[in-house]
N, C-alpha and C. Protein backbone atom coordinates (compact mmCIF):
# COMPACT_ATOMS: atom_id res chain seq x y z
N MET A 1 -3.36 -4.84 68.39
CA MET A 1 -4.12 -4.30 67.13
C MET A 1 -3.28 -3.09 66.81
N PRO A 2 -2.99 -3.05 65.52
CA PRO A 2 -2.11 -1.98 64.86
C PRO A 2 -2.90 -0.62 64.94
N ALA A 3 -2.24 0.35 64.63
CA ALA A 3 -2.74 1.77 64.77
C ALA A 3 -3.87 1.94 63.86
N ASN A 4 -3.92 1.31 62.61
CA ASN A 4 -4.91 1.67 61.76
C ASN A 4 -6.22 0.83 62.15
N GLY A 5 -6.26 0.07 63.20
CA GLY A 5 -7.48 -0.55 63.75
C GLY A 5 -7.95 -1.81 63.14
N LYS A 6 -7.11 -2.39 62.16
CA LYS A 6 -7.35 -3.73 61.53
C LYS A 6 -6.55 -4.74 62.38
N PRO A 7 -7.17 -5.92 62.57
CA PRO A 7 -6.27 -7.08 63.09
C PRO A 7 -5.23 -7.38 62.30
N TRP A 8 -4.13 -7.72 62.86
CA TRP A 8 -2.90 -8.33 62.21
C TRP A 8 -2.84 -9.81 61.98
N ILE A 9 -3.62 -10.45 62.76
CA ILE A 9 -3.67 -11.89 62.89
C ILE A 9 -3.94 -12.47 61.49
N GLY A 10 -4.83 -11.93 60.73
CA GLY A 10 -5.09 -12.47 59.42
C GLY A 10 -3.85 -12.43 58.46
N ARG A 11 -3.08 -11.34 58.53
CA ARG A 11 -1.89 -11.27 57.79
C ARG A 11 -0.79 -12.24 58.20
N VAL A 12 -0.68 -12.36 59.50
CA VAL A 12 0.23 -13.40 59.91
C VAL A 12 -0.19 -14.81 59.65
N ALA A 13 -1.43 -15.18 59.71
CA ALA A 13 -1.95 -16.53 59.27
C ALA A 13 -1.66 -16.67 57.82
N LEU A 14 -1.83 -15.77 56.98
CA LEU A 14 -1.57 -15.75 55.48
C LEU A 14 -0.19 -16.02 55.26
N GLY A 15 0.67 -15.22 55.95
CA GLY A 15 2.17 -15.51 55.79
C GLY A 15 2.60 -16.90 56.29
N ALA A 16 2.02 -17.39 57.30
CA ALA A 16 2.38 -18.75 57.77
C ALA A 16 1.94 -19.75 56.70
N LEU A 17 0.82 -19.67 56.25
CA LEU A 17 0.40 -20.57 55.11
C LEU A 17 1.34 -20.49 53.93
N LEU A 18 1.68 -19.34 53.44
CA LEU A 18 2.54 -19.27 52.45
C LEU A 18 3.92 -19.79 52.72
N ALA A 19 4.37 -19.72 54.15
CA ALA A 19 5.69 -20.13 54.30
C ALA A 19 5.72 -21.86 54.46
N THR A 20 4.51 -22.28 54.73
CA THR A 20 4.41 -23.73 54.92
C THR A 20 4.29 -24.51 53.60
N GLY A 21 4.14 -23.82 52.41
CA GLY A 21 4.18 -24.50 51.21
C GLY A 21 2.78 -24.39 50.53
N PHE A 22 1.81 -23.78 51.30
CA PHE A 22 0.54 -23.73 50.61
C PHE A 22 0.71 -22.75 49.34
N GLY A 23 1.47 -21.72 49.56
CA GLY A 23 1.69 -20.77 48.41
C GLY A 23 2.40 -21.40 47.25
N ALA A 24 3.40 -22.51 47.54
CA ALA A 24 4.00 -23.07 46.42
C ALA A 24 2.97 -24.01 45.71
N ALA A 25 2.11 -24.65 46.46
CA ALA A 25 1.11 -25.47 45.79
C ALA A 25 0.19 -24.67 44.94
N ALA A 26 -0.24 -23.50 45.34
CA ALA A 26 -0.97 -22.57 44.65
C ALA A 26 -0.28 -22.07 43.39
N THR A 27 0.96 -21.82 43.47
CA THR A 27 1.70 -21.23 42.35
C THR A 27 1.76 -22.27 41.27
N LEU A 28 2.06 -23.70 41.70
CA LEU A 28 2.05 -24.64 40.84
C LEU A 28 0.77 -24.98 40.04
N ALA A 29 -0.28 -24.74 40.89
CA ALA A 29 -1.63 -25.02 40.38
C ALA A 29 -1.87 -24.01 39.17
N VAL A 30 -1.36 -22.78 39.32
CA VAL A 30 -1.67 -21.87 38.33
C VAL A 30 -0.81 -22.09 37.12
N ALA A 31 0.37 -22.61 37.31
CA ALA A 31 1.25 -22.95 36.14
C ALA A 31 0.86 -24.20 35.30
N CYS A 32 0.10 -25.09 35.94
CA CYS A 32 -0.26 -26.39 35.35
C CYS A 32 -1.36 -25.93 34.33
N VAL A 33 -1.43 -26.75 33.19
CA VAL A 33 -2.53 -26.55 32.14
C VAL A 33 -2.94 -28.14 31.93
N ASP A 34 -4.22 -28.15 31.43
CA ASP A 34 -4.74 -29.52 31.18
C ASP A 34 -4.40 -29.95 29.83
N ARG A 35 -4.06 -28.99 28.89
CA ARG A 35 -3.67 -29.29 27.46
C ARG A 35 -2.23 -28.65 27.18
N ALA A 36 -1.61 -29.09 26.15
CA ALA A 36 -0.37 -28.48 25.88
C ALA A 36 -0.63 -27.01 25.45
N PRO A 37 0.35 -26.11 25.89
CA PRO A 37 0.25 -24.79 25.59
C PRO A 37 0.41 -24.62 23.99
N LYS A 38 -0.32 -23.81 23.48
CA LYS A 38 -0.14 -23.44 22.07
C LYS A 38 0.51 -22.02 21.91
N GLY A 39 1.11 -21.79 20.76
CA GLY A 39 1.75 -20.56 20.37
C GLY A 39 0.68 -19.55 19.92
N GLU A 40 1.17 -18.47 19.31
CA GLU A 40 0.16 -17.45 18.92
C GLU A 40 -0.70 -17.96 17.69
N ALA A 41 -1.87 -17.36 17.58
CA ALA A 41 -2.67 -17.81 16.45
C ALA A 41 -2.37 -17.10 15.22
N VAL A 42 -2.40 -17.76 14.04
CA VAL A 42 -2.15 -17.14 12.76
C VAL A 42 -3.35 -17.54 11.83
N THR A 43 -3.51 -16.74 10.87
CA THR A 43 -4.48 -17.11 9.93
C THR A 43 -3.98 -17.22 8.48
N PHE A 44 -4.25 -18.16 7.66
CA PHE A 44 -3.86 -18.47 6.29
C PHE A 44 -4.95 -18.12 5.44
N GLN A 45 -4.64 -17.61 4.32
CA GLN A 45 -5.88 -17.29 3.28
C GLN A 45 -5.37 -17.60 1.94
N ARG A 46 -6.12 -18.26 1.17
CA ARG A 46 -5.85 -18.36 -0.27
C ARG A 46 -7.15 -18.00 -1.06
N ASP A 47 -6.93 -17.15 -2.02
CA ASP A 47 -8.08 -16.60 -2.79
C ASP A 47 -7.89 -17.41 -4.22
N ALA A 48 -8.70 -17.96 -4.70
CA ALA A 48 -8.97 -18.61 -6.02
C ALA A 48 -9.93 -17.90 -6.88
N GLY A 49 -9.59 -17.69 -8.14
CA GLY A 49 -10.71 -16.95 -8.91
C GLY A 49 -11.80 -18.05 -9.31
N ALA A 50 -12.31 -17.92 -10.56
CA ALA A 50 -13.22 -19.04 -11.09
C ALA A 50 -12.57 -20.33 -11.24
N THR A 51 -13.23 -21.30 -10.70
CA THR A 51 -12.62 -22.71 -10.72
C THR A 51 -13.71 -23.64 -11.48
N ALA A 52 -13.10 -24.25 -12.53
CA ALA A 52 -14.10 -25.09 -13.42
C ALA A 52 -14.33 -26.38 -12.77
N THR A 53 -15.32 -27.07 -13.30
CA THR A 53 -15.50 -28.43 -12.75
C THR A 53 -14.36 -29.39 -13.05
N GLY A 54 -14.05 -30.13 -11.96
CA GLY A 54 -12.85 -31.02 -11.96
C GLY A 54 -11.63 -30.50 -11.47
N GLN A 55 -11.58 -29.18 -11.24
CA GLN A 55 -10.43 -28.60 -10.71
C GLN A 55 -10.53 -28.52 -9.19
N ARG A 56 -9.24 -28.25 -8.52
CA ARG A 56 -9.33 -28.15 -7.13
C ARG A 56 -8.33 -27.04 -6.82
N THR A 57 -8.47 -26.43 -5.66
CA THR A 57 -7.63 -25.50 -5.00
C THR A 57 -7.33 -26.01 -3.56
N GLU A 58 -6.09 -25.60 -3.31
CA GLU A 58 -5.64 -26.17 -1.76
C GLU A 58 -4.58 -25.42 -1.25
N PHE A 59 -4.24 -25.58 -0.03
CA PHE A 59 -3.04 -25.03 0.45
C PHE A 59 -2.57 -26.01 1.54
N HIS A 60 -1.28 -25.95 1.77
CA HIS A 60 -0.51 -26.83 2.68
C HIS A 60 0.26 -25.84 3.60
N VAL A 61 0.38 -26.44 4.86
CA VAL A 61 1.11 -25.67 5.97
C VAL A 61 2.09 -26.93 6.43
N MET A 62 3.39 -26.53 6.08
CA MET A 62 4.38 -27.66 6.43
C MET A 62 4.98 -27.28 7.82
N GLY A 63 5.12 -28.24 8.68
CA GLY A 63 5.62 -28.04 9.94
C GLY A 63 4.65 -28.58 11.13
N ALA A 64 4.82 -28.07 12.36
CA ALA A 64 3.93 -28.46 13.39
C ALA A 64 3.07 -27.26 13.69
N GLY A 65 2.03 -27.60 14.24
CA GLY A 65 0.95 -26.60 14.88
C GLY A 65 -0.19 -27.15 15.33
N TRP A 66 -1.16 -26.29 15.40
CA TRP A 66 -2.64 -26.72 15.96
C TRP A 66 -3.60 -26.05 15.04
N PHE A 67 -4.36 -26.95 14.39
CA PHE A 67 -5.50 -26.57 13.56
C PHE A 67 -6.83 -26.33 14.42
N SER A 68 -7.33 -25.09 14.13
CA SER A 68 -8.64 -24.75 14.87
C SER A 68 -9.76 -24.62 14.15
N ALA A 69 -9.63 -23.80 12.88
CA ALA A 69 -10.84 -23.66 12.16
C ALA A 69 -10.57 -23.31 10.63
N ALA A 70 -11.43 -23.52 9.78
CA ALA A 70 -11.47 -23.24 8.31
C ALA A 70 -12.80 -22.62 7.84
N GLU A 71 -12.60 -21.62 7.10
CA GLU A 71 -13.80 -21.14 6.36
C GLU A 71 -13.60 -21.15 4.97
N ILE A 72 -14.59 -21.81 4.13
CA ILE A 72 -14.49 -21.77 2.74
C ILE A 72 -15.58 -20.97 2.15
N VAL A 73 -15.38 -19.92 1.23
CA VAL A 73 -16.27 -19.03 0.79
C VAL A 73 -16.46 -19.33 -0.69
N LYS A 74 -17.60 -19.93 -1.09
CA LYS A 74 -17.75 -20.08 -2.59
C LYS A 74 -18.81 -19.20 -3.20
N ASP A 75 -18.35 -18.58 -4.33
CA ASP A 75 -19.29 -17.65 -5.01
C ASP A 75 -19.80 -18.27 -6.35
N GLY A 76 -21.08 -18.58 -6.31
CA GLY A 76 -21.60 -19.09 -7.45
C GLY A 76 -21.66 -20.55 -7.42
N GLY A 77 -22.05 -21.28 -8.47
CA GLY A 77 -22.07 -22.63 -8.52
C GLY A 77 -23.56 -23.18 -8.85
N SER A 78 -23.68 -24.32 -9.58
CA SER A 78 -24.91 -24.74 -10.02
C SER A 78 -25.62 -25.71 -8.95
N ASN A 79 -25.02 -26.57 -8.35
CA ASN A 79 -25.65 -27.56 -7.45
C ASN A 79 -24.89 -27.75 -6.14
N ASP A 80 -23.96 -27.04 -5.72
CA ASP A 80 -23.25 -27.12 -4.35
C ASP A 80 -22.41 -28.46 -4.29
N ALA A 81 -22.16 -28.99 -5.42
CA ALA A 81 -21.18 -30.26 -5.29
C ALA A 81 -19.78 -29.76 -5.32
N THR A 82 -19.48 -29.03 -4.35
CA THR A 82 -17.95 -28.69 -4.03
C THR A 82 -17.61 -29.35 -2.66
N TYR A 83 -16.46 -30.16 -2.76
CA TYR A 83 -16.04 -30.94 -1.68
C TYR A 83 -14.99 -30.27 -0.90
N VAL A 84 -15.03 -30.43 0.50
CA VAL A 84 -13.78 -29.86 1.25
C VAL A 84 -13.11 -30.99 2.03
N ILE A 85 -11.89 -31.11 1.96
CA ILE A 85 -11.09 -32.17 2.72
C ILE A 85 -9.98 -31.52 3.63
N VAL A 86 -10.07 -31.76 4.91
CA VAL A 86 -9.08 -31.28 5.83
C VAL A 86 -8.26 -32.35 6.25
N GLU A 87 -6.91 -32.44 6.00
CA GLU A 87 -6.05 -33.46 6.43
C GLU A 87 -4.91 -32.90 7.38
N LEU A 88 -4.67 -33.72 8.42
CA LEU A 88 -3.47 -33.38 9.19
C LEU A 88 -2.49 -34.53 9.29
N ASP A 89 -1.30 -34.29 8.95
CA ASP A 89 -0.38 -35.38 8.90
C ASP A 89 -0.76 -36.64 8.13
N GLY A 90 -1.56 -36.27 6.99
CA GLY A 90 -1.91 -37.38 6.02
C GLY A 90 -3.31 -38.03 6.30
N ALA A 91 -3.91 -37.72 7.64
CA ALA A 91 -4.95 -38.43 8.01
C ALA A 91 -6.17 -37.36 7.85
N GLN A 92 -7.25 -37.82 7.27
CA GLN A 92 -8.51 -36.95 7.11
C GLN A 92 -9.11 -36.75 8.48
N VAL A 93 -9.41 -35.40 8.65
CA VAL A 93 -10.13 -35.06 9.92
C VAL A 93 -11.61 -34.44 9.55
N MET A 94 -11.80 -34.17 8.06
CA MET A 94 -13.15 -33.67 7.64
C MET A 94 -13.09 -34.02 6.18
N ASN A 95 -14.18 -34.46 5.86
CA ASN A 95 -14.49 -34.68 4.37
C ASN A 95 -15.85 -34.47 4.13
N THR A 96 -16.31 -33.34 3.56
CA THR A 96 -17.71 -32.91 3.54
C THR A 96 -17.96 -32.11 2.25
N SER A 97 -19.06 -31.88 1.99
CA SER A 97 -19.59 -30.92 0.75
C SER A 97 -20.40 -29.84 1.16
N PHE A 98 -20.57 -28.79 0.37
CA PHE A 98 -21.60 -27.81 0.44
C PHE A 98 -22.93 -28.43 0.55
N VAL A 99 -23.20 -29.21 -0.38
CA VAL A 99 -24.67 -29.76 -0.50
C VAL A 99 -25.06 -30.62 0.68
N SER A 100 -24.03 -31.24 1.33
CA SER A 100 -24.40 -32.03 2.39
C SER A 100 -24.69 -31.03 3.80
N LEU A 101 -23.79 -30.07 3.90
CA LEU A 101 -23.96 -29.26 5.14
C LEU A 101 -25.15 -28.34 4.88
N LYS A 102 -25.68 -28.10 3.69
CA LYS A 102 -26.74 -27.22 3.61
C LYS A 102 -28.00 -27.90 4.11
N ASN A 103 -28.10 -29.37 4.31
CA ASN A 103 -29.02 -30.00 4.81
C ASN A 103 -28.95 -29.83 6.29
N PRO A 104 -29.90 -29.35 7.07
CA PRO A 104 -29.80 -29.04 8.63
C PRO A 104 -29.67 -30.29 9.26
N MET A 105 -30.12 -31.46 8.71
CA MET A 105 -29.80 -32.78 9.60
C MET A 105 -28.42 -33.26 9.43
N MET A 106 -27.65 -32.66 8.46
CA MET A 106 -26.16 -33.08 8.35
C MET A 106 -25.28 -32.07 8.96
N GLU A 107 -25.73 -30.91 9.20
CA GLU A 107 -24.64 -30.08 9.94
C GLU A 107 -24.53 -30.34 11.41
N LEU A 108 -23.30 -30.04 11.87
CA LEU A 108 -22.93 -30.38 13.19
C LEU A 108 -22.83 -29.16 14.03
N GLY A 109 -23.29 -29.27 15.39
CA GLY A 109 -23.22 -28.12 16.03
C GLY A 109 -22.95 -28.56 17.65
N THR A 110 -21.83 -29.16 17.94
CA THR A 110 -21.47 -29.51 19.23
C THR A 110 -20.46 -28.74 19.84
N PRO A 111 -20.19 -28.90 21.20
CA PRO A 111 -19.13 -28.15 21.85
C PRO A 111 -17.77 -28.40 21.22
N ASN A 112 -17.58 -29.64 20.55
CA ASN A 112 -16.15 -29.94 20.15
C ASN A 112 -16.17 -29.74 18.66
N LEU A 113 -17.27 -29.67 17.83
CA LEU A 113 -17.06 -29.55 16.41
C LEU A 113 -18.44 -28.86 15.82
N VAL A 114 -18.03 -27.83 15.01
CA VAL A 114 -19.19 -27.06 14.30
C VAL A 114 -18.79 -27.30 12.74
N ALA A 115 -19.77 -27.76 12.07
CA ALA A 115 -19.67 -27.74 10.55
C ALA A 115 -20.98 -27.33 9.86
N LYS A 116 -20.87 -26.29 9.21
CA LYS A 116 -22.20 -25.77 8.76
C LYS A 116 -21.90 -24.93 7.37
N VAL A 117 -23.12 -24.84 6.77
CA VAL A 117 -22.98 -23.96 5.52
C VAL A 117 -24.14 -22.88 5.68
N ARG A 118 -23.83 -21.62 5.21
CA ARG A 118 -24.87 -20.64 5.23
C ARG A 118 -24.71 -19.93 3.88
N SER A 119 -25.86 -19.74 3.29
CA SER A 119 -26.02 -19.07 2.10
C SER A 119 -26.47 -17.67 2.12
N ASP A 120 -26.02 -16.87 1.15
CA ASP A 120 -26.68 -15.38 1.04
C ASP A 120 -26.60 -15.20 -0.37
N GLY A 121 -27.62 -15.33 -1.18
CA GLY A 121 -27.66 -15.19 -2.55
C GLY A 121 -26.76 -16.16 -3.25
N SER A 122 -25.73 -15.78 -4.11
CA SER A 122 -25.07 -16.65 -4.76
C SER A 122 -23.81 -17.16 -3.96
N LYS A 123 -23.53 -16.55 -2.87
CA LYS A 123 -22.37 -16.84 -1.93
C LYS A 123 -22.70 -17.83 -0.87
N SER A 124 -21.94 -18.85 -0.75
CA SER A 124 -22.12 -19.77 0.43
C SER A 124 -20.79 -19.95 1.14
N VAL A 125 -21.04 -19.96 2.55
CA VAL A 125 -19.90 -20.03 3.49
C VAL A 125 -19.90 -21.17 4.20
N MET A 126 -18.88 -22.04 4.16
CA MET A 126 -18.72 -23.37 4.89
C MET A 126 -17.96 -23.03 6.16
N THR A 127 -18.28 -23.27 7.36
CA THR A 127 -17.44 -23.08 8.52
C THR A 127 -17.16 -24.41 9.16
N ILE A 128 -15.99 -24.69 9.48
CA ILE A 128 -15.46 -26.01 10.19
C ILE A 128 -14.70 -25.37 11.40
N TRP A 129 -15.12 -25.67 12.55
CA TRP A 129 -14.52 -25.28 13.86
C TRP A 129 -14.33 -26.31 14.75
N TYR A 130 -13.14 -26.50 15.39
CA TYR A 130 -12.93 -27.55 16.31
C TYR A 130 -12.85 -26.92 17.72
N GLY A 131 -13.59 -27.23 18.64
CA GLY A 131 -13.57 -26.68 20.03
C GLY A 131 -12.18 -26.93 20.62
N THR A 132 -11.60 -28.01 20.47
CA THR A 132 -10.25 -28.31 20.97
C THR A 132 -9.43 -28.40 19.65
N ALA A 133 -8.43 -27.42 19.54
CA ALA A 133 -7.61 -27.39 18.32
C ALA A 133 -6.82 -28.72 18.21
N LEU A 134 -6.66 -29.23 16.93
CA LEU A 134 -6.03 -30.52 16.62
C LEU A 134 -4.60 -30.42 16.32
N LYS A 135 -3.83 -31.04 16.94
CA LYS A 135 -2.26 -30.96 16.59
C LYS A 135 -1.82 -31.75 15.51
N PHE A 136 -0.94 -31.04 14.79
CA PHE A 136 -0.35 -31.73 13.64
C PHE A 136 1.14 -31.60 13.82
N ARG A 137 2.00 -32.58 13.31
CA ARG A 137 3.44 -32.54 13.45
C ARG A 137 4.14 -32.14 12.18
N GLY A 138 3.56 -32.46 11.02
CA GLY A 138 4.23 -32.41 9.83
C GLY A 138 3.69 -31.68 8.69
N ILE A 139 2.38 -31.73 8.54
CA ILE A 139 1.61 -30.99 7.34
C ILE A 139 0.06 -30.90 7.76
N ALA A 140 -0.51 -29.75 7.42
CA ALA A 140 -1.86 -29.46 7.43
C ALA A 140 -2.32 -29.14 6.03
N ALA A 141 -3.36 -29.74 5.48
CA ALA A 141 -3.81 -29.51 4.18
C ALA A 141 -5.28 -29.14 4.10
N VAL A 142 -5.67 -28.22 3.53
CA VAL A 142 -7.06 -27.87 3.17
C VAL A 142 -7.31 -28.06 1.62
N ARG A 143 -8.09 -28.98 1.15
CA ARG A 143 -8.42 -29.07 -0.27
C ARG A 143 -9.82 -28.76 -0.56
N VAL A 144 -10.16 -28.00 -1.69
CA VAL A 144 -11.40 -27.83 -2.14
C VAL A 144 -11.51 -28.35 -3.62
N ALA A 145 -12.42 -29.33 -3.81
CA ALA A 145 -12.62 -29.92 -5.23
C ALA A 145 -13.87 -29.53 -5.71
N VAL A 146 -14.01 -28.92 -6.89
CA VAL A 146 -15.16 -28.42 -7.58
C VAL A 146 -15.78 -29.52 -8.53
N GLN A 147 -16.95 -29.86 -8.24
CA GLN A 147 -17.58 -30.89 -9.07
C GLN A 147 -18.89 -30.16 -9.65
N GLU A 148 -18.84 -28.89 -9.80
CA GLU A 148 -20.02 -28.28 -10.35
C GLU A 148 -19.83 -27.06 -11.27
N ASP A 149 -20.58 -26.67 -12.23
CA ASP A 149 -20.29 -25.52 -13.11
C ASP A 149 -20.65 -24.20 -12.38
N GLY A 150 -20.02 -23.11 -12.80
CA GLY A 150 -20.37 -21.85 -12.54
C GLY A 150 -19.70 -21.18 -11.19
N VAL A 151 -18.84 -21.80 -10.50
CA VAL A 151 -18.13 -21.46 -9.51
C VAL A 151 -17.15 -20.28 -9.84
N ALA A 152 -17.56 -19.09 -9.45
CA ALA A 152 -17.01 -17.76 -9.76
C ALA A 152 -15.74 -17.35 -8.98
N GLY A 153 -15.67 -18.08 -7.83
CA GLY A 153 -14.56 -17.70 -6.95
C GLY A 153 -14.53 -18.58 -5.64
N LEU A 154 -13.48 -18.89 -5.18
CA LEU A 154 -13.21 -19.62 -3.85
C LEU A 154 -12.25 -18.76 -2.99
N ARG A 155 -12.56 -18.87 -1.73
CA ARG A 155 -11.60 -18.35 -0.77
C ARG A 155 -11.52 -19.32 0.43
N ILE A 156 -10.25 -19.82 0.73
CA ILE A 156 -10.04 -20.60 1.81
C ILE A 156 -9.22 -19.82 2.92
N ARG A 157 -9.83 -20.03 4.19
CA ARG A 157 -9.04 -19.28 5.28
C ARG A 157 -9.06 -20.20 6.35
N ALA A 158 -7.93 -20.45 6.95
CA ALA A 158 -7.91 -21.32 8.15
C ALA A 158 -7.16 -20.65 9.36
N VAL A 159 -7.53 -20.97 10.52
CA VAL A 159 -6.87 -20.41 11.78
C VAL A 159 -6.25 -21.49 12.43
N MET A 160 -4.90 -21.27 12.70
CA MET A 160 -4.06 -22.20 13.41
C MET A 160 -3.17 -21.62 14.40
N ASN A 161 -2.71 -22.33 15.25
CA ASN A 161 -1.75 -21.88 16.22
C ASN A 161 -0.26 -22.32 15.99
N LYS A 162 0.83 -21.49 16.25
CA LYS A 162 1.97 -21.91 16.11
C LYS A 162 2.43 -22.89 17.32
N PRO A 163 3.41 -23.71 17.23
CA PRO A 163 3.69 -24.70 18.22
C PRO A 163 4.03 -23.80 19.54
N GLY A 164 3.63 -24.43 20.71
CA GLY A 164 3.99 -23.90 21.97
C GLY A 164 5.57 -23.88 22.12
N PRO A 165 6.03 -23.05 23.15
CA PRO A 165 7.47 -22.88 23.34
C PRO A 165 8.09 -24.23 23.70
N HIS A 166 7.44 -25.16 24.42
CA HIS A 166 8.05 -26.39 24.91
C HIS A 166 7.59 -27.60 24.18
N GLU A 167 7.13 -27.45 23.07
CA GLU A 167 6.74 -28.74 22.14
C GLU A 167 7.99 -29.07 21.38
N ASP A 168 7.67 -30.38 20.92
CA ASP A 168 8.84 -30.85 20.01
C ASP A 168 9.05 -30.13 18.78
N LYS A 169 10.34 -29.92 18.44
CA LYS A 169 10.55 -29.20 17.26
C LYS A 169 10.24 -30.13 15.92
N PRO A 170 9.69 -29.48 14.86
CA PRO A 170 9.46 -30.33 13.70
C PRO A 170 10.76 -30.90 13.18
N GLY A 171 10.64 -32.24 12.81
CA GLY A 171 11.71 -33.12 12.24
C GLY A 171 12.45 -33.81 13.46
N GLN A 172 12.08 -33.52 14.62
CA GLN A 172 12.84 -34.21 15.82
C GLN A 172 12.09 -35.66 16.03
N PRO A 173 12.96 -36.70 16.31
CA PRO A 173 12.27 -37.97 16.48
C PRO A 173 11.29 -37.88 17.65
N ILE A 174 10.25 -38.74 17.53
CA ILE A 174 9.25 -38.84 18.35
C ILE A 174 9.27 -40.37 19.09
N ALA A 175 9.24 -40.56 20.24
CA ALA A 175 9.43 -41.97 20.77
C ALA A 175 8.66 -42.90 20.02
N GLY A 176 9.46 -44.01 19.61
CA GLY A 176 8.69 -45.02 18.78
C GLY A 176 8.41 -44.68 17.35
N GLN A 177 8.78 -43.65 16.77
CA GLN A 177 8.41 -43.30 15.48
C GLN A 177 9.64 -42.99 14.88
N PRO A 178 9.68 -43.31 13.41
CA PRO A 178 10.95 -42.79 12.67
C PRO A 178 11.04 -41.36 12.52
N LEU A 179 12.16 -40.95 12.24
CA LEU A 179 12.52 -39.43 12.09
C LEU A 179 11.93 -39.20 10.73
N THR A 180 11.14 -38.06 10.48
CA THR A 180 10.63 -37.58 9.29
C THR A 180 10.98 -36.14 9.12
N LEU A 181 11.25 -35.72 7.89
CA LEU A 181 11.76 -34.28 7.67
C LEU A 181 10.47 -33.47 7.58
N ALA A 182 10.64 -32.40 8.34
CA ALA A 182 9.49 -31.38 8.25
C ALA A 182 10.04 -30.02 8.45
N LEU A 183 9.36 -29.14 7.55
CA LEU A 183 9.89 -27.77 7.47
C LEU A 183 9.20 -26.95 8.56
N PRO A 184 9.84 -25.95 9.05
CA PRO A 184 8.94 -25.01 9.97
C PRO A 184 7.83 -24.21 9.23
N ALA A 185 6.73 -24.39 9.92
CA ALA A 185 5.38 -23.94 9.34
C ALA A 185 5.37 -22.32 9.55
N PHE A 186 5.90 -21.78 10.52
CA PHE A 186 5.41 -20.50 10.85
C PHE A 186 6.60 -19.51 10.94
N GLU A 187 7.58 -19.74 10.15
CA GLU A 187 8.75 -18.77 10.12
C GLU A 187 8.75 -17.83 9.03
């Protein structure tokens, strides 16, 4: 027993476990992830003033990344017939309207997807959130189409992640798919 009165056998046993590879397995387990690592989170925002019936506002992010959430704030409007479409690499992942999500039976609230609208006076806020971020390789688009009178303003905000450090670079060939040109989204 050492001079400090504590047994040294525990320290020797731990050293033996680490030397036999237990430590290497523990280190590997810490380094492994169940999903692809993502880069830092970024927020994009577009403010549009008054938007007339039949007009739409949108934004595009060119390149690769991970889509996590969108918030659309609508000020005014006569009947909530304003539609929101989220597309990743040309495929729709959400197509809904303010009037649909105001109905409690139509809103979604699961661990994987939240889609709802909350109103306060003339302002309505649509929230779309994916529990597991969705990967896109070429383009992410959020479109808002107004089909009602009296929309005094729109604001679109989206939260995305940059590609992880070990992900495919935009514009690089993907096994079994043709090469497509993509611009870097987050530079």
